[in-house]
C-alpha atoms as a PDB file:
ATOM      1  CA  MET A   1      73.198  62.615 186.785  1.00  0.00           C
ATOM      2  CA  ALA A   2      70.287  63.890 184.890  1.00  0.00           C
ATOM      3  CA  THR A   3      67.787  61.391 182.831  1.00  0.00           C
ATOM      4  CA  LYS A   4      66.217  62.340 179.458  1.00  0.00           C
ATOM      5  CA  ARG A   5      62.829  60.570 178.230  1.00  0.00           C
ATOM      6  CA  SER A   6      61.654  61.226 174.794  1.00  0.00           C
ATOM      7  CA  ALA A   7      58.226  60.733 173.052  1.00  0.00           C
ATOM      8  CA  HIS A   8      57.518  62.004 169.089  1.00  0.00           C
ATOM      9  CA  ALA A   9      54.459  62.336 167.514  1.00  0.00           C
ATOM     10  CA  VAL A  10      53.718  62.034 163.639  1.00  0.00           C
ATOM     11  CA  TRP A  11      50.618  64.291 162.530  1.00  0.00           C
ATOM     12  CA  GLU A  12      48.841  63.981 159.097  1.00  0.00           C
ATOM     13  CA  GLY A  13      46.706  66.179 157.997  1.00  0.00           C
ATOM     14  CA  GLY A  14      45.035  69.887 159.171  1.00  0.00           C
ATOM     15  CA  LEU A  15      44.081  70.444 162.864  1.00  0.00           C
ATOM     16  CA  LEU A  16      39.977  69.485 162.339  1.00  0.00           C
ATOM     17  CA  ASN A  17      40.363  66.336 160.042  1.00  0.00           C
ATOM     18  CA  GLY A  18      44.040  65.005 160.474  1.00  0.00           C
ATOM     19  CA  SER A  19      44.983  62.634 163.431  1.00  0.00           C
ATOM     20  CA  GLY A  20      48.095  61.502 164.510  1.00  0.00           C
ATOM     21  CA  VAL A  21      49.892  58.850 166.764  1.00  0.00           C
ATOM     22  CA  VAL A  22      52.439  59.652 169.758  1.00  0.00           C
ATOM     23  CA  THR A  23      54.985  57.391 170.162  1.00  0.00           C
ATOM     24  CA  PHE A  24      56.358  56.732 173.352  1.00  0.00           C
ATOM     25  CA  ASP A  25      60.318  56.247 172.697  1.00  0.00           C
ATOM     26  CA  SER A  26      61.803  55.932 175.851  1.00  0.00           C
ATOM     27  CA  SER A  27      59.308  53.167 177.536  1.00  0.00           C
ATOM     28  CA  GLY A  28      58.283  50.978 174.616  1.00  0.00           C
ATOM     29  CA  ILE A  29      54.994  51.214 175.885  1.00  0.00           C
ATOM     30  CA  GLY A  30      53.886  51.885 172.289  1.00  0.00           C
ATOM     31  CA  ASP A  31      51.647  53.880 170.491  1.00  0.00           C
ATOM     32  CA  GLN A  32      48.739  56.198 171.144  1.00  0.00           C
ATOM     33  CA  PRO A  33      45.930  57.859 168.543  1.00  0.00           C
ATOM     34  CA  VAL A  34      45.455  61.357 168.894  1.00  0.00           C
ATOM     35  CA  SER A  35      43.498  64.221 167.311  1.00  0.00           C
ATOM     36  CA  TRP A  36      41.615  67.358 167.294  1.00  0.00           C
ATOM     37  CA  PRO A  37      38.069  65.823 168.264  1.00  0.00           C
ATOM     38  CA  SER A  38      39.794  63.140 171.097  1.00  0.00           C
ATOM     39  CA  ARG A  39      41.149  66.582 172.650  1.00  0.00           C
ATOM     40  CA  ALA A  40      38.520  69.120 172.011  1.00  0.00           C
ATOM     41  CA  GLU A  41      35.255  66.793 172.162  1.00  0.00           C
ATOM     42  CA  GLN A  42      35.487  63.129 173.216  1.00  0.00           C
ATOM     43  CA  ALA A  43      38.411  60.845 173.259  1.00  0.00           C
ATOM     44  CA  ASN A  44      36.768  57.926 172.043  1.00  0.00           C
ATOM     45  CA  GLY A  45      39.776  55.826 172.505  1.00  0.00           C
ATOM     46  CA  ARG A  46      42.541  58.392 171.210  1.00  0.00           C
ATOM     47  CA  THR A  47      44.536  60.467 173.829  1.00  0.00           C
ATOM     48  CA  SER A  48      45.399  63.839 174.136  1.00  0.00           C
ATOM     49  CA  PRO A  49      47.987  66.389 175.384  1.00  0.00           C
ATOM     50  CA  GLU A  50      46.230  66.855 178.216  1.00  0.00           C
ATOM     51  CA  GLU A  51      45.745  63.430 179.247  1.00  0.00           C
ATOM     52  CA  LEU A  52      49.292  62.888 179.104  1.00  0.00           C
ATOM     53  CA  ILE A  53      49.800  65.862 180.964  1.00  0.00           C
ATOM     54  CA  ALA A  54      47.195  64.295 183.791  1.00  0.00           C
ATOM     55  CA  ALA A  55      49.462  61.213 183.642  1.00  0.00           C
ATOM     56  CA  ALA A  56      52.719  62.397 184.662  1.00  0.00           C
ATOM     57  CA  HIS A  57      51.454  64.983 186.732  1.00  0.00           C
ATOM     58  CA  SER A  58      49.852  62.362 189.030  1.00  0.00           C
ATOM     59  CA  SER A  59      52.490  60.291 188.566  1.00  0.00           C
ATOM     60  CA  CYS A  60      55.118  62.416 189.798  1.00  0.00           C
ATOM     61  CA  PHE A  61      52.894  64.382 192.444  1.00  0.00           C
ATOM     62  CA  SER A  62      52.625  60.883 194.087  1.00  0.00           C
ATOM     63  CA  MET A  63      56.304  60.228 194.120  1.00  0.00           C
ATOM     64  CA  ALA A  64      56.241  63.333 195.459  1.00  0.00           C
ATOM     65  CA  LEU A  65      53.975  63.078 198.543  1.00  0.00           C
ATOM     66  CA  SER A  66      55.584  59.578 199.223  1.00  0.00           C
ATOM     67  CA  HIS A  67      58.595  60.637 199.248  1.00  0.00           C
ATOM     68  CA  GLY A  68      57.645  63.234 201.412  1.00  0.00           C
ATOM     69  CA  LEU A  69      55.642  61.520 204.103  1.00  0.00           C
ATOM     70  CA  GLU A  70      58.476  58.847 204.214  1.00  0.00           C
ATOM     71  CA  GLU A  71      60.983  61.333 204.932  1.00  0.00           C
ATOM     72  CA  ALA A  72      58.575  62.625 208.208  1.00  0.00           C
ATOM     73  CA  GLY A  73      58.951  59.204 209.507  1.00  0.00           C
ATOM     74  CA  THR A  74      55.103  58.067 207.933  1.00  0.00           C
ATOM     75  CA  PRO A  75      55.883  56.119 204.909  1.00  0.00           C
ATOM     76  CA  PRO A  76      52.307  56.018 202.996  1.00  0.00           C
ATOM     77  CA  THR A  77      50.873  52.065 202.618  1.00  0.00           C
ATOM     78  CA  ARG A  78      48.835  53.373 199.433  1.00  0.00           C
ATOM     79  CA  LEU A  79      48.390  56.765 197.339  1.00  0.00           C
ATOM     80  CA  VAL A  80      45.596  57.000 194.879  1.00  0.00           C
ATOM     81  CA  THR A  81      45.979  60.439 192.686  1.00  0.00           C
ATOM     82  CA  SER A  82      44.265  61.432 189.750  1.00  0.00           C
ATOM     83  CA  ALA A  83      44.712  64.651 187.996  1.00  0.00           C
ATOM     84  CA  GLU A  84      41.738  66.470 185.945  1.00  0.00           C
ATOM     85  CA  VAL A  85      43.671  68.702 183.573  1.00  0.00           C
ATOM     86  CA  THR A  86      41.027  71.088 182.354  1.00  0.00           C
ATOM     87  CA  PHE A  87      41.488  72.309 178.322  1.00  0.00           C
ATOM     88  CA  GLN A  88      39.562  75.188 176.904  1.00  0.00           C
ATOM     89  CA  PRO A  89      39.511  75.174 172.808  1.00  0.00           C
ATOM     90  CA  GLY A  90      40.986  78.925 171.851  1.00  0.00           C
ATOM     91  CA  GLU A  91      42.150  79.451 175.158  1.00  0.00           C
ATOM     92  CA  GLY A  92      44.272  76.183 176.376  1.00  0.00           C
ATOM     93  CA  VAL A  93      44.926  74.532 179.625  1.00  0.00           C
ATOM     94  CA  THR A  94      42.949  76.540 182.093  1.00  0.00           C
ATOM     95  CA  GLY A  95      43.156  74.410 185.338  1.00  0.00           C
ATOM     96  CA  ILE A  96      44.368  71.542 186.866  1.00  0.00           C
ATOM     97  CA  HIS A  97      43.051  69.373 190.043  1.00  0.00           C
ATOM     98  CA  LEU A  98      44.445  66.777 191.683  1.00  0.00           C
ATOM     99  CA  THR A  99      42.809  64.545 194.255  1.00  0.00           C
ATOM    100  CA  VAL A 100      44.603  62.186 196.269  1.00  0.00           C
ATOM    101  CA  GLU A 101      43.537  59.528 198.931  1.00  0.00           C
ATOM    102  CA  GLY A 102      45.931  57.903 200.925  1.00  0.00           C
ATOM    103  CA  THR A 103      46.429  55.281 203.439  1.00  0.00           C
ATOM    104  CA  VAL A 104      49.119  56.485 205.613  1.00  0.00           C
ATOM    105  CA  PRO A 105      49.525  54.597 209.470  1.00  0.00           C
ATOM    106  CA  GLY A 106      50.559  57.332 211.916  1.00  0.00           C
ATOM    107  CA  ILE A 107      49.049  60.454 210.609  1.00  0.00           C
ATOM    108  CA  ASP A 108      45.876  62.550 211.090  1.00  0.00           C
ATOM    109  CA  GLY A 109      44.301  64.062 207.924  1.00  0.00           C
ATOM    110  CA  ASP A 110      45.679  67.662 208.953  1.00  0.00           C
ATOM    111  CA  ALA A 111      49.227  66.499 208.699  1.00  0.00           C
ATOM    112  CA  PHE A 112      47.948  64.430 205.461  1.00  0.00           C
ATOM    113  CA  ALA A 113      47.021  68.046 203.727  1.00  0.00           C
ATOM    114  CA  THR A 114      50.105  69.859 204.352  1.00  0.00           C
ATOM    115  CA  ALA A 115      52.359  66.997 203.508  1.00  0.00           C
ATOM    116  CA  ALA A 116      49.987  66.951 199.801  1.00  0.00           C
ATOM    117  CA  GLN A 117      49.998  70.851 199.439  1.00  0.00           C
ATOM    118  CA  ASP A 118      53.745  70.623 200.137  1.00  0.00           C
ATOM    119  CA  ALA A 119      54.290  67.783 197.478  1.00  0.00           C
ATOM    120  CA  LYS A 120      52.474  69.523 195.429  1.00  0.00           C
ATOM    121  CA  ALA A 121      55.026  72.848 195.431  1.00  0.00           C
ATOM    122  CA  GLY A 122      57.839  70.489 195.127  1.00  0.00           C
ATOM    123  CA  CYS A 123      56.364  67.907 192.460  1.00  0.00           C
ATOM    124  CA  PRO A 124      59.308  68.658 189.346  1.00  0.00           C
ATOM    125  CA  VAL A 125      55.941  68.634 187.192  1.00  0.00           C
ATOM    126  CA  SER A 126      53.998  71.076 189.492  1.00  0.00           C
ATOM    127  CA  LYS A 127      56.299  73.251 188.846  1.00  0.00           C
ATOM    128  CA  ALA A 128      56.923  72.752 185.286  1.00  0.00           C
ATOM    129  CA  LEU A 129      53.269  73.737 184.513  1.00  0.00           C
ATOM    130  CA  SER A 130      53.714  76.768 187.397  1.00  0.00           C
ATOM    131  CA  GLY A 131      51.757  79.070 184.709  1.00  0.00           C
ATOM    132  CA  THR A 132      48.667  77.103 185.479  1.00  0.00           C
ATOM    133  CA  THR A 133      46.431  76.916 188.331  1.00  0.00           C
ATOM    134  CA  ILE A 134      46.659  73.747 190.451  1.00  0.00           C
ATOM    135  CA  THR A 135      44.296  73.197 193.038  1.00  0.00           C
ATOM    136  CA  LEU A 136      44.553  69.903 195.423  1.00  0.00           C
ATOM    137  CA  SER A 137      41.812  67.694 197.212  1.00  0.00           C
ATOM    138  CA  ALA A 138      43.621  65.223 199.924  1.00  0.00           C
ATOM    139  CA  ALA A 139      42.077  62.853 202.272  1.00  0.00           C
ATOM    140  CA  LEU A 140      42.804  59.902 204.539  1.00  0.00           C
ATOM    141  CA  VAL A 141      40.990  56.773 203.519  1.00  0.00           C
END
């Protein structure tokens, strides 16, 4: 069965001097302020669309990798994934770099790297972002 998740944003003012609030409707985790300076300059306690993409991508990739490793008979003990989304004003999102460190008993570094590449290719968020260059670093710890 398909699921749907929703959020909404309220923006007031122009792009450069305005600001907004993103509300996570489905989870109820609260409101997050957003502004152009938080997107194109320093975060200063506000989020950005790119940070939201990074959160979605890192969690989706972790789930995909965990599933792939478990299916291969080597479930992970721990995966720590970060996603760095690069935004260039006037150009948009120019790339995403995933970094994953895993504790996976019974697997070597090459097998882990292969599983991570497979997860990157199969992750639904990676697929949704396929128009963007996505790179990956994977290591066992």
